[in-house]
Amino acid sequence: MKITKHTGLKRILFAAGYSWKGLRHNVLYEAAFRQEVILALILVPIALIADVAKLERIFLIFSLMLVLLMELVNTAIEATVDRIGLDFHPLSGLAKDTGSAAVFISVLLCLYTWIAVFFF
């Protein structure tokens, strides 16, 4: 079976479509991602209008986007592990726990960034 790969503009359009599907799924079916998107929709405008330096504004928004990115990666890890099998295995648990830890660290980094910019 030969797999044909799209190239050029067609590849970009297909990749954008796949990305949209992934984002849509996460917004519709992943409560944590939905909550983090709502938080970002509130905090990004605050970062844009706050009286802070340009670099601080970049850090504020970047830290929020990092949380969203880590949540997407965590969901991808969980979906892959679940696709392999729903039986408990220590390595499956480790993969899921590690994805969760990545989200947790990104949340701590985001929290620290916002506190550092506005209170230090």
C-alpha atoms as a PDB file:
ATOM      1  CA  MET A   1       0.000   0.000   0.000  1.00  0.00           C
ATOM      2  CA  LYS A   2       1.502   3.291  -1.102  1.00  0.00           C
ATOM      3  CA  ILE A   3       0.916   6.344   1.045  1.00  0.00           C
ATOM      4  CA  THR A   4       0.811   9.604  -0.857  1.00  0.00           C
ATOM      5  CA  LYS A   5       1.975  12.666   0.989  1.00  0.00           C
ATOM      6  CA  HIS A   6       0.659  16.096   0.240  1.00  0.00           C
ATOM      7  CA  THR A   7       3.176  18.791  -0.586  1.00  0.00           C
ATOM      8  CA  GLY A   8       3.215  22.553  -0.849  1.00  0.00           C
ATOM      9  CA  LEU A   9       0.056  24.533  -0.190  1.00  0.00           C
ATOM     10  CA  LYS A  10      -2.079  21.373  -0.110  1.00  0.00           C
ATOM     11  CA  ARG A  11       0.019  20.002   2.774  1.00  0.00           C
ATOM     12  CA  ILE A  12      -0.363  23.265   4.693  1.00  0.00           C
ATOM     13  CA  LEU A  13      -4.138  23.237   4.180  1.00  0.00           C
ATOM     14  CA  PHE A  14      -4.452  19.617   5.299  1.00  0.00           C
ATOM     15  CA  ALA A  15      -2.228  20.298   8.342  1.00  0.00           C
ATOM     16  CA  ALA A  16      -4.386  23.295   9.272  1.00  0.00           C
ATOM     17  CA  GLY A  17      -7.482  21.104   8.990  1.00  0.00           C
ATOM     18  CA  TYR A  18      -5.971  18.456  11.272  1.00  0.00           C
ATOM     19  CA  SER A  19      -4.982  21.147  13.766  1.00  0.00           C
ATOM     20  CA  TRP A  20      -8.498  22.560  13.725  1.00  0.00           C
ATOM     21  CA  LYS A  21      -9.913  19.056  14.370  1.00  0.00           C
ATOM     22  CA  GLY A  22      -7.592  18.639  17.353  1.00  0.00           C
ATOM     23  CA  LEU A  23      -8.462  22.036  18.815  1.00  0.00           C
ATOM     24  CA  ARG A  24     -12.172  21.466  18.272  1.00  0.00           C
ATOM     25  CA  HIS A  25     -12.040  18.075  19.979  1.00  0.00           C
ATOM     26  CA  ASN A  26     -10.213  19.500  22.985  1.00  0.00           C
ATOM     27  CA  VAL A  27     -12.603  22.420  23.369  1.00  0.00           C
ATOM     28  CA  LEU A  28     -15.655  20.152  23.095  1.00  0.00           C
ATOM     29  CA  TYR A  29     -14.514  17.132  25.114  1.00  0.00           C
ATOM     30  CA  GLU A  30     -11.633  18.095  27.429  1.00  0.00           C
ATOM     31  CA  ALA A  31     -12.857  20.060  30.456  1.00  0.00           C
ATOM     32  CA  ALA A  32      -9.375  21.078  31.620  1.00  0.00           C
ATOM     33  CA  PHE A  33      -8.493  22.492  28.182  1.00  0.00           C
ATOM     34  CA  ARG A  34     -11.807  24.330  28.014  1.00  0.00           C
ATOM     35  CA  GLN A  35     -11.209  25.878  31.452  1.00  0.00           C
ATOM     36  CA  GLU A  36      -7.691  26.934  30.472  1.00  0.00           C
ATOM     37  CA  VAL A  37      -8.967  28.476  27.214  1.00  0.00           C
ATOM     38  CA  ILE A  38     -11.546  30.485  29.171  1.00  0.00           C
ATOM     39  CA  LEU A  39      -8.827  31.654  31.546  1.00  0.00           C
ATOM     40  CA  ALA A  40      -6.613  32.621  28.592  1.00  0.00           C
ATOM     41  CA  LEU A  41      -9.506  34.517  26.974  1.00  0.00           C
ATOM     42  CA  ILE A  42      -9.774  36.557  30.178  1.00  0.00           C
ATOM     43  CA  LEU A  43      -6.054  37.016  30.863  1.00  0.00           C
ATOM     44  CA  VAL A  44      -4.701  37.731  27.355  1.00  0.00           C
ATOM     45  CA  PRO A  45      -6.693  40.992  27.066  1.00  0.00           C
ATOM     46  CA  ILE A  46      -5.481  41.930  30.558  1.00  0.00           C
ATOM     47  CA  ALA A  47      -1.896  41.296  29.434  1.00  0.00           C
ATOM     48  CA  LEU A  48      -2.484  43.399  26.315  1.00  0.00           C
ATOM     49  CA  ILE A  49      -3.849  46.431  28.172  1.00  0.00           C
ATOM     50  CA  ALA A  50      -1.677  46.219  31.301  1.00  0.00           C
ATOM     51  CA  ASP A  51       0.915  48.911  31.806  1.00  0.00           C
ATOM     52  CA  VAL A  52       3.921  46.581  31.539  1.00  0.00           C
ATOM     53  CA  ALA A  53       7.006  46.413  29.369  1.00  0.00           C
ATOM     54  CA  LYS A  54       6.760  44.712  25.989  1.00  0.00           C
ATOM     55  CA  LEU A  55       8.919  41.795  27.123  1.00  0.00           C
ATOM     56  CA  GLU A  56       6.785  41.299  30.233  1.00  0.00           C
ATOM     57  CA  ARG A  57       3.655  41.271  28.048  1.00  0.00           C
ATOM     58  CA  ILE A  58       5.265  38.609  25.864  1.00  0.00           C
ATOM     59  CA  PHE A  59       6.093  36.499  28.929  1.00  0.00           C
ATOM     60  CA  LEU A  60       2.553  36.824  30.282  1.00  0.00           C
ATOM     61  CA  ILE A  61       0.963  35.646  27.045  1.00  0.00           C
ATOM     62  CA  PHE A  62       3.647  33.027  26.377  1.00  0.00           C
ATOM     63  CA  SER A  63       3.093  31.474  29.806  1.00  0.00           C
ATOM     64  CA  LEU A  64      -0.632  31.147  29.112  1.00  0.00           C
ATOM     65  CA  MET A  65      -0.031  29.591  25.700  1.00  0.00           C
ATOM     66  CA  LEU A  66       2.448  27.164  27.243  1.00  0.00           C
ATOM     67  CA  VAL A  67      -0.283  25.840  29.554  1.00  0.00           C
ATOM     68  CA  LEU A  68      -2.556  25.269  26.545  1.00  0.00           C
ATOM     69  CA  LEU A  69       0.243  23.547  24.635  1.00  0.00           C
ATOM     70  CA  MET A  70       1.059  21.240  27.535  1.00  0.00           C
ATOM     71  CA  GLU A  71      -2.617  20.356  27.928  1.00  0.00           C
ATOM     72  CA  LEU A  72      -2.787  19.425  24.240  1.00  0.00           C
ATOM     73  CA  VAL A  73       0.337  17.256  24.571  1.00  0.00           C
ATOM     74  CA  ASN A  74      -1.089  15.630  27.694  1.00  0.00           C
ATOM     75  CA  THR A  75      -4.312  14.802  25.853  1.00  0.00           C
ATOM     76  CA  ALA A  76      -2.305  13.332  22.975  1.00  0.00           C
ATOM     77  CA  ILE A  77      -0.357  11.138  25.408  1.00  0.00           C
ATOM     78  CA  GLU A  78      -3.545   9.990  27.135  1.00  0.00           C
ATOM     79  CA  ALA A  79      -5.275   9.210  23.831  1.00  0.00           C
ATOM     80  CA  THR A  80      -2.275   7.227  22.604  1.00  0.00           C
ATOM     81  CA  VAL A  81      -2.024   5.226  25.823  1.00  0.00           C
ATOM     82  CA  ASP A  82      -5.769   4.533  25.789  1.00  0.00           C
ATOM     83  CA  ARG A  83      -5.565   3.468  22.129  1.00  0.00           C
ATOM     84  CA  ILE A  84      -2.915   0.901  23.006  1.00  0.00           C
ATOM     85  CA  GLY A  85      -5.064  -0.582  25.749  1.00  0.00           C
ATOM     86  CA  LEU A  86      -7.242   0.273  28.719  1.00  0.00           C
ATOM     87  CA  ASP A  87      -5.710  -2.399  30.965  1.00  0.00           C
ATOM     88  CA  PHE A  88      -3.594  -1.011  33.781  1.00  0.00           C
ATOM     89  CA  HIS A  89       0.129  -1.095  33.143  1.00  0.00           C
ATOM     90  CA  PRO A  90       2.749   0.787  35.188  1.00  0.00           C
ATOM     91  CA  LEU A  91       4.262   2.336  32.049  1.00  0.00           C
ATOM     92  CA  SER A  92       0.847   3.545  30.896  1.00  0.00           C
ATOM     93  CA  GLY A  93       0.345   5.144  34.294  1.00  0.00           C
ATOM     94  CA  LEU A  94       3.804   6.694  34.133  1.00  0.00           C
ATOM     95  CA  ALA A  95       3.119   8.161  30.682  1.00  0.00           C
ATOM     96  CA  LYS A  96      -0.160   9.699  31.823  1.00  0.00           C
ATOM     97  CA  ASP A  97       1.299  10.950  35.108  1.00  0.00           C
ATOM     98  CA  THR A  98       4.252  12.498  33.294  1.00  0.00           C
ATOM     99  CA  GLY A  99       1.931  14.318  30.891  1.00  0.00           C
ATOM    100  CA  SER A 100      -0.032  15.583  33.852  1.00  0.00           C
ATOM    101  CA  ALA A 101       3.183  16.715  35.541  1.00  0.00           C
ATOM    102  CA  ALA A 102       4.106  18.709  32.424  1.00  0.00           C
ATOM    103  CA  VAL A 103       0.768  20.529  32.623  1.00  0.00           C
ATOM    104  CA  PHE A 104       1.262  21.140  36.351  1.00  0.00           C
ATOM    105  CA  ILE A 105       4.744  22.610  35.851  1.00  0.00           C
ATOM    106  CA  SER A 106       3.461  24.862  33.057  1.00  0.00           C
ATOM    107  CA  VAL A 107       0.675  26.095  35.358  1.00  0.00           C
ATOM    108  CA  LEU A 108       3.227  26.840  38.104  1.00  0.00           C
ATOM    109  CA  LEU A 109       5.414  28.693  35.590  1.00  0.00           C
ATOM    110  CA  CYS A 110       2.407  30.693  34.409  1.00  0.00           C
ATOM    111  CA  LEU A 111       1.395  31.539  37.958  1.00  0.00           C
ATOM    112  CA  TYR A 112       4.943  32.586  38.845  1.00  0.00           C
ATOM    113  CA  THR A 113       5.201  34.736  35.701  1.00  0.00           C
ATOM    114  CA  TRP A 114       1.984  36.603  36.434  1.00  0.00           C
ATOM    115  CA  ILE A 115       2.884  37.121  40.096  1.00  0.00           C
ATOM    116  CA  ALA A 116       6.419  38.258  39.203  1.00  0.00           C
ATOM    117  CA  VAL A 117       5.214  40.761  36.619  1.00  0.00           C
ATOM    118  CA  PHE A 118       2.439  42.285  38.692  1.00  0.00           C
ATOM    119  CA  PHE A 119       3.687  42.025  42.278  1.00  0.00           C
ATOM    120  CA  PHE A 120       7.527  42.138  42.225  1.00  0.00           C
END
